[in-house]
């Protein structure tokens, strides 16, 4: 059985980041640089972007919680316990008696990029019902963070929209990392429509260059006009474009710019984007005015870039998430 944590209290509550969505088991080839078919064996690792972000924030000394559903099975309890061990409040997790915990086979090709094969027909994460939401936990969120995988299928989609509404009404910042996984959607058009269906409700949005091209139907992801005219919306406070090793771009109502990446030798890119998001949200949670001060924002994004860079130097996402001390030490070395 999994141990579920007691609700978050005191000071931590005021800067709590609640991450909503999927948590699953990744099966990764025991050797790098091979396709799934060529892999001689697989090792299991915890996965799922929202859960990775929750652990990333906790590892940095922040306060985080995860809301989502796993199977009432060995893997589901293993995931709940991994969150607890990493000081993530898991009291919002639910266990489905019929559906299994989701599985994904993820290969690392020789260039460090990934190939995915998902087993979700349906998996427990897709079956979270609105009645199962930990409403009190959501109301405590300084930031409510989510992706788009939870928008693909009902009942999870309606639950996701309901959770966002509760968080918004409670004054939470809504943070959206698109995290496109095209093979999981019925079609590219369905993916575009689903991802954009909640676009104008988010306060903070993070996308990759590829996701800009996909969402705009092929436009140049490096063109500021494309971003500002097609993707920036009136309610948005911060729009971030992650560019991997190159760093990131930022856009607010007042200013825009680029923060270069921190150079490392990549071993495994899994979780780099989640570490970046965890890095910036851990700072935003305790400084809601970050959008209005470009100097502070640039410092925070350099910190987030360093979080992402450190993660690619190790295998796996959750085990590779850095502490605040490691990030500062790393930035000092790169000086």
Protein backbone atom coordinates (compact mmCIF):
# COMPACT_ATOMS: atom_id res chain seq x y z
CA UNK A 1 0.00 0.00 0.00
CA UNK A 2 1.04 3.57 -0.62
CA UNK A 3 1.37 6.02 2.21
CA UNK A 4 -0.65 9.16 1.51
CA UNK A 5 0.65 12.31 3.08
CA UNK A 6 -1.25 14.62 5.36
CA UNK A 7 -2.24 17.97 3.81
CA UNK A 8 0.37 20.71 3.57
CA UNK A 9 0.43 23.27 6.39
CA UNK A 10 1.65 26.70 7.47
CA UNK A 11 4.11 28.78 5.48
CA UNK A 12 4.64 26.08 2.84
CA UNK A 13 0.93 26.25 2.03
CA UNK A 14 1.20 29.85 0.89
CA UNK A 15 3.77 29.04 -1.80
CA UNK A 16 2.39 25.62 -2.74
CA UNK A 17 2.58 24.46 -6.37
CA UNK A 18 -0.07 21.86 -7.18
CA UNK A 19 0.73 19.79 -10.29
CA UNK A 20 -2.18 18.05 -12.03
CA UNK A 21 -2.09 15.25 -14.59
CA UNK A 22 -0.40 11.97 -15.40
CA UNK A 23 2.15 9.90 -13.57
CA UNK A 24 3.32 6.68 -15.18
CA UNK A 25 6.09 4.14 -15.49
CA UNK A 26 8.70 4.73 -18.19
CA UNK A 27 10.52 1.65 -19.45
CA UNK A 28 13.92 2.77 -20.71
CA UNK A 29 16.41 0.55 -22.63
CA UNK A 30 19.28 -0.65 -20.46
CA UNK A 31 21.70 0.68 -23.11
CA UNK A 32 21.58 4.11 -24.76
CA UNK A 33 21.50 4.83 -28.47
CA UNK A 34 19.24 1.97 -29.60
CA UNK A 35 15.67 1.84 -30.89
CA UNK A 36 12.94 0.14 -28.82
CA UNK A 37 13.11 -2.90 -31.08
CA UNK A 38 16.88 -3.22 -30.64
CA UNK A 39 16.90 -2.80 -26.84
CA UNK A 40 18.20 -5.92 -25.07
CA UNK A 41 16.37 -5.10 -21.80
CA UNK A 42 14.42 -2.30 -20.12
CA UNK A 43 14.69 -0.56 -16.75
CA UNK A 44 11.63 0.97 -15.10
CA UNK A 45 11.60 4.63 -14.06
CA UNK A 46 8.89 6.94 -12.72
CA UNK A 47 7.61 9.37 -15.37
CA UNK A 48 4.91 11.86 -16.30
CA UNK A 49 5.68 15.55 -16.78
CA UNK A 50 3.44 17.03 -14.01
CA UNK A 51 4.87 14.58 -11.45
CA UNK A 52 8.43 15.36 -12.61
CA UNK A 53 7.75 19.09 -12.11
CA UNK A 54 6.38 18.44 -8.60
CA UNK A 55 9.54 16.53 -7.64
CA UNK A 56 11.73 19.20 -9.30
CA UNK A 57 10.15 21.92 -7.13
CA UNK A 58 10.45 19.86 -3.95
CA UNK A 59 14.10 19.00 -4.67
CA UNK A 60 14.80 22.75 -4.98
CA UNK A 61 13.37 23.30 -1.51
CA UNK A 62 9.91 24.40 -2.63
CA UNK A 63 6.49 23.09 -1.62
CA UNK A 64 4.59 20.91 -4.10
CA UNK A 65 1.69 18.48 -4.42
CA UNK A 66 0.54 16.10 -7.14
CA UNK A 67 -3.05 15.35 -8.15
CA UNK A 68 -3.72 12.44 -10.51
CA UNK A 69 -4.83 8.84 -10.77
CA UNK A 70 -2.84 5.63 -10.99
CA UNK A 71 -3.86 1.98 -10.93
CA UNK A 72 -4.62 0.08 -7.75
CA UNK A 73 -1.55 -1.99 -8.59
CA UNK A 74 2.12 -2.41 -7.63
CA UNK A 75 3.25 0.32 -10.03
CA UNK A 76 0.64 2.78 -8.77
CA UNK A 77 1.71 2.34 -5.14
CA UNK A 78 5.36 2.53 -6.14
CA UNK A 79 4.72 5.94 -7.78
CA UNK A 80 2.80 7.29 -4.77
CA UNK A 81 5.67 6.24 -2.50
CA UNK A 82 8.28 7.82 -4.78
CA UNK A 83 6.44 11.15 -4.46
CA UNK A 84 6.24 10.79 -0.67
CA UNK A 85 9.99 9.98 -0.47
CA UNK A 86 10.65 13.14 -2.49
CA UNK A 87 8.56 15.29 -0.11
CA UNK A 88 5.75 15.83 -2.61
CA UNK A 89 2.29 15.92 -1.00
CA UNK A 90 0.48 12.95 -2.61
CA UNK A 91 -2.81 13.22 -0.69
CA UNK A 92 -4.59 14.15 -3.96
CA UNK A 93 -3.68 10.85 -5.65
CA UNK A 94 -6.42 8.34 -6.42
CA UNK A 95 -6.19 4.60 -7.23
CA UNK A 96 -8.39 2.98 -9.89
CA UNK A 97 -9.54 -0.59 -9.17
CA UNK A 98 -10.17 -1.47 -12.82
CA UNK A 99 -7.60 0.35 -14.95
CA UNK A 100 -3.84 -0.09 -14.75
CA UNK A 101 -1.12 2.50 -14.19
CA UNK A 102 0.01 3.86 -17.58
CA UNK A 103 3.21 2.52 -19.14
CA UNK A 104 5.48 4.15 -21.73
CA UNK A 105 8.46 2.62 -23.46
CA UNK A 106 10.95 5.40 -24.14
CA UNK A 107 14.10 4.87 -26.17
CA UNK A 108 17.07 7.21 -26.23
CA UNK A 109 18.54 7.42 -29.69
CA UNK A 110 22.24 8.12 -30.23
CA UNK A 111 21.56 11.88 -30.56
CA UNK A 112 19.90 11.94 -27.12
CA UNK A 113 16.39 12.38 -28.57
CA UNK A 114 13.51 10.09 -27.67
CA UNK A 115 11.07 7.62 -29.25
CA UNK A 116 7.81 6.76 -27.40
CA UNK A 117 5.46 3.76 -27.29
CA UNK A 118 2.49 4.19 -24.92
CA UNK A 119 0.21 1.62 -23.25
CA UNK A 120 -2.98 3.46 -22.24
CA UNK A 121 -6.20 1.71 -23.24
CA UNK A 122 -7.44 3.22 -21.04
CA UNK A 123 -4.97 3.77 -18.22
CA UNK A 124 -5.93 4.97 -14.75
CA UNK A 125 -4.76 8.58 -15.28
CA UNK A 126 -7.43 9.04 -17.99
CA UNK A 127 -10.20 8.01 -15.57
CA UNK A 128 -9.92 10.69 -12.87
CA UNK A 129 -13.44 11.96 -12.13
CA UNK A 130 -14.39 15.42 -10.90
CA UNK A 131 -15.87 13.88 -7.73
CA UNK A 132 -12.39 12.51 -6.87
CA UNK A 133 -10.68 15.93 -6.86
CA UNK A 134 -9.08 17.09 -3.60
CA UNK A 135 -10.77 20.49 -3.75
CA UNK A 136 -9.19 21.79 -0.52
CA UNK A 137 -5.70 20.99 -1.82
CA UNK A 138 -6.38 22.83 -5.11
CA UNK A 139 -7.65 25.88 -3.19
CA UNK A 140 -4.31 26.08 -1.33
CA UNK A 141 -2.30 26.36 -4.57
CA UNK A 142 -0.27 29.52 -5.14
CA UNK A 143 0.37 27.99 -8.60
CA UNK A 144 -1.75 25.32 -10.30
CA UNK A 145 0.35 23.60 -12.99
CA UNK A 146 -0.81 21.25 -15.77
CA UNK A 147 -0.03 19.89 -19.23
CA UNK A 148 -2.17 18.85 -22.20
CA UNK A 149 -2.17 15.03 -21.93
CA UNK A 150 -4.95 15.28 -19.34
CA UNK A 151 -7.11 17.07 -21.97
CA UNK A 152 -7.16 14.14 -24.42
CA UNK A 153 -9.88 11.85 -23.01
CA UNK A 154 -12.98 12.04 -20.85
CA UNK A 155 -13.58 11.93 -17.92
CA UNK A 156 -10.12 13.38 -17.22
CA UNK A 157 -10.64 16.35 -19.56
CA UNK A 158 -13.72 17.63 -17.70
CA UNK A 159 -11.94 17.01 -14.38
CA UNK A 160 -8.95 19.04 -15.61
CA UNK A 161 -11.20 21.97 -16.65
CA UNK A 162 -13.07 21.83 -13.31
CA UNK A 163 -9.79 21.81 -11.34
CA UNK A 164 -8.55 24.85 -13.28
CA UNK A 165 -11.79 26.70 -12.48
CA UNK A 166 -11.42 25.96 -8.75
CA UNK A 167 -7.79 27.12 -8.78
CA UNK A 168 -8.60 30.29 -10.75
CA UNK A 169 -11.44 31.19 -8.38
CA UNK A 170 -9.08 30.72 -5.42
CA UNK A 171 -6.57 33.18 -6.90
CA UNK A 172 -3.97 30.65 -8.11
CA UNK A 173 -1.60 31.37 -10.98
CA UNK A 174 -2.43 28.91 -13.79
CA UNK A 175 0.71 27.43 -15.37
CA UNK A 176 0.53 25.44 -18.63
CA UNK A 177 3.33 23.38 -20.18
CA UNK A 178 1.99 22.15 -23.52
CA UNK A 179 4.14 18.99 -23.56
CA UNK A 180 2.77 17.75 -26.91
CA UNK A 181 2.65 13.96 -27.31
CA UNK A 182 1.08 13.66 -30.75
CA UNK A 183 0.74 9.81 -30.80
CA UNK A 184 -1.70 10.02 -27.86
CA UNK A 185 -4.18 12.29 -29.69
CA UNK A 186 -6.75 10.99 -32.21
CA UNK A 187 -5.37 13.36 -34.89
CA UNK A 188 -3.12 16.46 -35.25
CA UNK A 189 -6.23 18.66 -35.59
CA UNK A 190 -7.71 17.21 -32.39
CA UNK A 191 -4.39 17.92 -30.64
CA UNK A 192 -4.32 21.54 -31.80
CA UNK A 193 -7.94 22.09 -30.83
CA UNK A 194 -7.57 20.38 -27.44
CA UNK A 195 -4.37 22.22 -26.53
CA UNK A 196 -5.82 25.60 -27.55
CA UNK A 197 -9.17 24.98 -25.79
CA UNK A 198 -7.80 26.27 -22.45
CA UNK A 199 -5.11 28.58 -23.88
CA UNK A 200 -6.64 31.91 -22.88
CA UNK A 201 -7.11 30.82 -19.25
CA UNK A 202 -3.41 30.29 -18.51
CA UNK A 203 -1.31 32.99 -16.80
CA UNK A 204 2.01 31.29 -17.65
CA UNK A 205 2.60 29.17 -20.77
CA UNK A 206 5.71 27.23 -21.72
CA UNK A 207 6.20 25.78 -25.23
CA UNK A 208 9.07 24.37 -27.27
CA UNK A 209 10.06 25.60 -30.73
CA UNK A 210 8.47 22.49 -32.31
CA UNK A 211 5.24 23.15 -30.45
CA UNK A 212 5.06 26.72 -31.82
CA UNK A 213 5.44 25.36 -35.36
CA UNK A 214 2.76 22.75 -34.69
CA UNK A 215 0.25 25.09 -33.03
CA UNK A 216 0.60 27.83 -35.67
CA UNK A 217 0.38 25.41 -38.60
CA UNK A 218 4.01 25.70 -39.69
CA UNK A 219 5.04 29.26 -38.82
CA UNK A 220 8.61 30.25 -37.95
CA UNK A 221 9.09 29.59 -34.21
CA UNK A 222 11.86 32.21 -34.01
CA UNK A 223 9.68 35.07 -35.28
CA UNK A 224 8.57 37.33 -32.41
CA UNK A 225 5.56 38.47 -34.45
CA UNK A 226 4.32 34.87 -34.74
CA UNK A 227 4.50 34.45 -30.96
CA UNK A 228 2.99 37.83 -30.11
CA UNK A 229 0.18 37.80 -32.70
CA UNK A 230 -0.80 34.14 -32.72
CA UNK A 231 0.02 32.79 -29.26
CA UNK A 232 0.24 35.65 -26.75
CA UNK A 233 -3.22 36.38 -25.31
CA UNK A 234 -4.51 39.36 -23.27
CA UNK A 235 -4.63 37.48 -19.92
CA UNK A 236 -1.13 36.04 -20.28
CA UNK A 237 1.53 37.23 -17.83
CA UNK A 238 4.52 35.17 -19.03
CA UNK A 239 5.13 33.18 -22.24
CA UNK A 240 8.25 31.00 -22.32
CA UNK A 241 9.84 29.26 -25.28
CA UNK A 242 12.33 26.55 -24.33
CA UNK A 243 15.11 26.06 -26.87
CA UNK A 244 16.92 23.11 -25.26
CA UNK A 245 20.68 23.65 -25.05
CA UNK A 246 20.27 27.15 -26.55
CA UNK A 247 18.35 28.40 -23.51
CA UNK A 248 14.96 30.11 -23.60
CA UNK A 249 13.02 33.15 -24.75
CA UNK A 250 10.54 35.10 -22.63
CA UNK A 251 7.66 37.41 -23.47
CA UNK A 252 5.57 39.54 -21.09
CA UNK A 253 3.27 42.50 -21.73
CA UNK A 254 6.20 44.87 -20.99
CA UNK A 255 9.32 43.16 -22.37
CA UNK A 256 10.83 40.24 -24.24
CA UNK A 257 14.27 38.67 -24.54
CA UNK A 258 16.52 35.58 -24.51
CA UNK A 259 18.50 33.90 -21.77
CA UNK A 260 21.28 31.63 -23.10
CA UNK A 261 21.55 28.00 -22.02
CA UNK A 262 24.32 26.55 -19.87
CA UNK A 263 26.57 24.22 -21.89
CA UNK A 264 26.87 20.56 -20.82
CA UNK A 265 27.51 17.17 -22.43
CA UNK A 266 24.05 15.55 -22.71
CA UNK A 267 23.53 11.95 -21.62
CA UNK A 268 19.71 11.83 -21.43
CA UNK A 269 17.33 14.68 -22.29
CA UNK A 270 14.42 13.10 -20.35
CA UNK A 271 13.00 15.54 -17.82
CA UNK A 272 15.04 18.57 -18.92
CA UNK A 273 11.95 20.61 -19.80
CA UNK A 274 10.26 19.55 -16.54
CA UNK A 275 13.33 20.59 -14.53
CA UNK A 276 13.27 23.98 -16.33
CA UNK A 277 9.58 24.43 -15.45
CA UNK A 278 10.19 23.34 -11.85
CA UNK A 279 13.03 25.86 -11.62
CA UNK A 280 11.00 28.84 -12.76
CA UNK A 281 7.84 27.88 -10.82
CA UNK A 282 9.82 27.37 -7.59
CA UNK A 283 10.86 31.04 -7.81
CA UNK A 284 7.50 32.36 -9.06
CA UNK A 285 5.73 30.65 -6.13
CA UNK A 286 7.53 32.90 -3.66
CA UNK A 287 7.72 35.99 -5.89
CA UNK A 288 4.46 36.67 -7.72
CA UNK A 289 5.84 39.96 -8.99
CA UNK A 290 8.48 38.21 -11.09
CA UNK A 291 6.75 39.09 -14.39
CA UNK A 292 7.17 42.80 -13.75
CA UNK A 293 10.92 42.90 -13.05
CA UNK A 294 13.02 41.94 -16.07
CA UNK A 295 16.31 41.70 -14.14
CA UNK A 296 14.80 39.28 -11.60
CA UNK A 297 13.04 37.34 -14.35
CA UNK A 298 16.29 36.89 -16.29
CA UNK A 299 18.07 35.65 -13.14
CA UNK A 300 15.23 33.20 -12.49
CA UNK A 301 15.37 31.92 -16.09
CA UNK A 302 19.14 31.43 -15.91
CA UNK A 303 18.51 29.37 -12.76
CA UNK A 304 15.78 27.38 -14.62
CA UNK A 305 18.11 26.83 -17.61
CA UNK A 306 20.74 25.47 -15.20
CA UNK A 307 18.16 23.08 -13.70
CA UNK A 308 17.44 21.72 -17.19
CA UNK A 309 21.14 21.49 -18.06
CA UNK A 310 21.99 19.53 -14.90
CA UNK A 311 19.23 16.98 -15.56
CA UNK A 312 20.58 16.05 -19.02
CA UNK A 313 23.93 15.09 -17.49
CA UNK A 314 22.31 12.09 -15.72
CA UNK A 315 19.95 9.27 -16.70
CA UNK A 316 16.28 9.51 -15.80
CA UNK A 317 14.12 12.48 -14.80
CA UNK A 318 13.22 12.22 -11.11
CA UNK A 319 16.61 10.88 -9.91
CA UNK A 320 18.39 13.64 -11.87
CA UNK A 321 16.43 16.62 -10.47
CA UNK A 322 18.96 18.97 -8.78
CA UNK A 323 18.93 20.68 -5.38
CA UNK A 324 19.19 24.46 -5.12
CA UNK A 325 22.78 24.11 -3.82
CA UNK A 326 23.76 21.99 -6.84
CA UNK A 327 22.31 24.58 -9.22
CA UNK A 328 24.14 27.50 -7.58
CA UNK A 329 27.39 25.54 -7.45
CA UNK A 330 27.01 24.64 -11.13
CA UNK A 331 26.32 28.28 -12.13
CA UNK A 332 29.35 29.42 -10.13
CA UNK A 333 31.58 26.90 -11.97
CA UNK A 334 30.22 28.05 -15.34
CA UNK A 335 30.56 31.67 -14.13
